[in-house]
Amino acid sequence: MLVDYFIRKTKIKRVSPKVLVFLQKHDWPGNVRELENAVERATVVARGETLMPDDLPADVREPKTLAAAPEAVEGSLDAAVAALFSLARKDAKLKLIPAMERELIARALTETGGNQVQASKLLGITRATLRKRIAKFGIEWQIVAG
């Protein structure tokens, strides 16, 4: 959701699922501002309308070597929630819960290669519920090359 917000005013129309994976796995010690800067730099160097992994700064593409401690994950969630509320305060039209629900479903489908059974397990909902939400939000899942 944050990436979509950051690219809204750029030439970028799509984001490769691999880019999202890199962004999700990165530590982001600078929190939202660091994410925004990385996305902004990537949009500047992008050659087309799709943000690709090679467009990302090298430090974002480097794999993590240490597993995050539970406290770090909890802190990351706190930072993400704070950032989302900040966005919601700036954009009165943003409906936070539906936007997050849609984004979680889309990301789960990306993470599982479109496998609805795996995506529903990842989200902790039934496949029937997942299918209803896909229809509700008009989610069209597809792999973007890259």
Protein backbone atom coordinates (compact mmCIF):
# COMPACT_ATOMS: atom_id res chain seq x y z
CA MET A 1 0.00 0.00 0.00
CA LEU A 2 2.82 2.40 0.82
CA VAL A 3 4.62 1.62 -2.44
CA ASP A 4 1.43 2.30 -4.39
CA TYR A 5 1.10 5.60 -2.57
CA PHE A 6 4.72 6.57 -3.29
CA ILE A 7 4.50 5.80 -7.04
CA ARG A 8 1.13 7.46 -7.53
CA LYS A 9 2.63 10.61 -9.10
CA THR A 10 5.33 8.90 -11.19
CA LYS A 11 5.56 7.25 -14.59
CA ILE A 12 5.40 3.83 -12.90
CA LYS A 13 2.13 1.96 -13.45
CA ARG A 14 3.03 -1.49 -12.08
CA VAL A 15 5.37 -3.01 -9.54
CA SER A 16 6.94 -6.40 -10.15
CA PRO A 17 6.03 -8.96 -7.45
CA LYS A 18 9.77 -9.58 -7.00
CA VAL A 19 10.23 -5.93 -6.13
CA LEU A 20 7.59 -6.29 -3.42
CA VAL A 21 9.40 -9.35 -2.05
CA PHE A 22 12.69 -7.42 -1.85
CA LEU A 23 10.95 -4.49 -0.18
CA GLN A 24 9.20 -6.74 2.34
CA LYS A 25 12.41 -8.57 3.26
CA HIS A 26 14.52 -5.44 3.73
CA ASP A 27 15.11 -4.31 7.33
CA TRP A 28 14.20 -0.59 6.83
CA PRO A 29 16.10 0.88 9.78
CA GLY A 30 14.97 4.33 8.61
CA ASN A 31 11.34 3.14 8.53
CA VAL A 32 8.91 4.80 6.11
CA ARG A 33 11.19 7.62 5.02
CA GLU A 34 13.87 5.15 3.96
CA LEU A 35 11.28 3.12 2.06
CA GLU A 36 9.98 6.24 0.36
CA ASN A 37 13.52 7.28 -0.65
CA ALA A 38 14.33 3.82 -2.02
CA VAL A 39 11.12 3.74 -4.06
CA GLU A 40 11.71 7.27 -5.30
CA ARG A 41 15.26 6.40 -6.44
CA ALA A 42 13.95 3.26 -8.15
CA THR A 43 11.28 5.20 -10.06
CA VAL A 44 13.93 7.62 -11.33
CA VAL A 45 16.12 4.87 -12.78
CA ALA A 46 13.27 2.67 -14.03
CA ARG A 47 13.28 2.28 -17.81
CA GLY A 48 9.63 1.49 -18.32
CA GLU A 49 6.27 1.66 -16.59
CA THR A 50 6.98 -1.38 -14.40
CA LEU A 51 9.26 -1.13 -11.39
CA MET A 52 11.72 -4.03 -11.65
CA PRO A 53 14.19 -5.52 -9.12
CA ASP A 54 17.19 -4.04 -10.96
CA ASP A 55 15.70 -0.58 -10.40
CA LEU A 56 16.01 -0.98 -6.62
CA PRO A 57 19.08 0.24 -4.75
CA ALA A 58 21.63 -2.56 -4.29
CA ASP A 59 21.31 -2.53 -0.49
CA VAL A 60 17.59 -3.30 -0.78
CA ARG A 61 18.22 -6.29 -3.08
CA GLU A 62 20.81 -7.86 -0.77
CA PRO A 63 19.37 -10.83 1.10
CA LYS A 64 19.15 -10.73 4.87
CA THR A 65 21.58 -13.02 6.61
CA LEU A 66 20.04 -13.02 10.07
CA ALA A 67 16.45 -13.88 10.96
CA ALA A 68 14.57 -11.03 12.59
CA ALA A 69 13.98 -11.35 16.31
CA PRO A 70 10.33 -11.34 17.44
CA GLU A 71 10.89 -7.92 19.01
CA ALA A 72 12.12 -6.55 15.68
CA VAL A 73 9.04 -7.90 13.89
CA GLU A 74 6.79 -6.38 16.53
CA GLY A 75 8.62 -3.05 16.22
CA SER A 76 8.29 -3.20 12.44
CA LEU A 77 4.54 -3.73 12.77
CA ASP A 78 4.28 -0.79 15.13
CA ALA A 79 6.20 1.39 12.67
CA ALA A 80 4.02 0.21 9.78
CA VAL A 81 0.81 0.95 11.69
CA ALA A 82 2.09 4.40 12.66
CA ALA A 83 2.98 5.11 9.03
CA LEU A 84 -0.44 3.98 7.85
CA PHE A 85 -2.21 6.24 10.32
CA SER A 86 0.01 9.10 9.18
CA LEU A 87 -1.05 8.45 5.58
CA ALA A 88 -4.71 8.24 6.61
CA ARG A 89 -4.45 11.63 8.33
CA LYS A 90 -3.01 13.15 5.15
CA ASP A 91 -5.50 11.53 2.75
CA ALA A 92 -9.09 11.87 3.98
CA LYS A 93 -10.31 9.60 1.17
CA LEU A 94 -8.14 6.69 2.29
CA LYS A 95 -10.23 3.98 3.96
CA LEU A 96 -7.53 2.28 5.97
CA ILE A 97 -9.05 -1.13 6.80
CA PRO A 98 -10.41 -1.92 3.32
CA ALA A 99 -7.16 -0.70 1.77
CA MET A 100 -5.07 -2.90 4.07
CA GLU A 101 -7.36 -5.89 3.57
CA ARG A 102 -7.07 -5.54 -0.20
CA GLU A 103 -3.30 -5.15 0.00
CA LEU A 104 -2.88 -8.17 2.30
CA ILE A 105 -4.91 -10.34 -0.06
CA ALA A 106 -3.01 -9.15 -3.12
CA ARG A 107 0.33 -9.71 -1.37
CA ALA A 108 -0.69 -13.18 -0.18
CA LEU A 109 -1.55 -14.10 -3.76
CA THR A 110 1.80 -12.74 -4.93
CA GLU A 111 3.70 -14.61 -2.21
CA THR A 112 1.97 -17.89 -3.11
CA GLY A 113 2.14 -17.53 -6.88
CA GLY A 114 -1.65 -17.18 -7.06
CA ASN A 115 -2.38 -20.37 -5.10
CA GLN A 116 -5.61 -19.54 -3.27
CA VAL A 117 -5.34 -22.45 -0.84
CA GLN A 118 -1.88 -21.35 0.30
CA ALA A 119 -2.88 -17.69 0.31
CA SER A 120 -5.91 -18.37 2.49
CA LYS A 121 -3.72 -20.33 4.96
CA LEU A 122 -1.20 -17.50 5.02
CA LEU A 123 -3.98 -15.02 5.80
CA GLY A 124 -5.74 -17.29 8.31
CA ILE A 125 -9.05 -17.30 6.44
CA THR A 126 -10.98 -19.93 4.49
CA ARG A 127 -10.60 -20.24 0.75
CA ALA A 128 -14.29 -19.33 0.37
CA THR A 129 -13.69 -16.11 2.32
CA LEU A 130 -10.61 -15.37 0.23
CA ARG A 131 -12.58 -15.82 -3.01
CA LYS A 132 -15.33 -13.50 -1.74
CA ARG A 133 -12.77 -10.83 -0.84
CA ILE A 134 -11.03 -11.19 -4.22
CA ALA A 135 -14.38 -10.55 -5.90
CA LYS A 136 -15.28 -7.74 -3.46
CA PHE A 137 -12.06 -5.83 -4.12
CA GLY A 138 -11.86 -6.72 -7.82
CA ILE A 139 -8.38 -8.16 -7.41
CA GLU A 140 -6.93 -9.41 -10.65
CA TRP A 141 -3.86 -11.45 -9.83
CA GLN A 142 -1.13 -11.80 -12.42
CA ILE A 143 2.61 -12.20 -12.50
CA VAL A 144 4.48 -9.24 -13.91
CA ALA A 145 7.60 -10.43 -15.68
CA GLY A 146 10.75 -9.72 -13.78
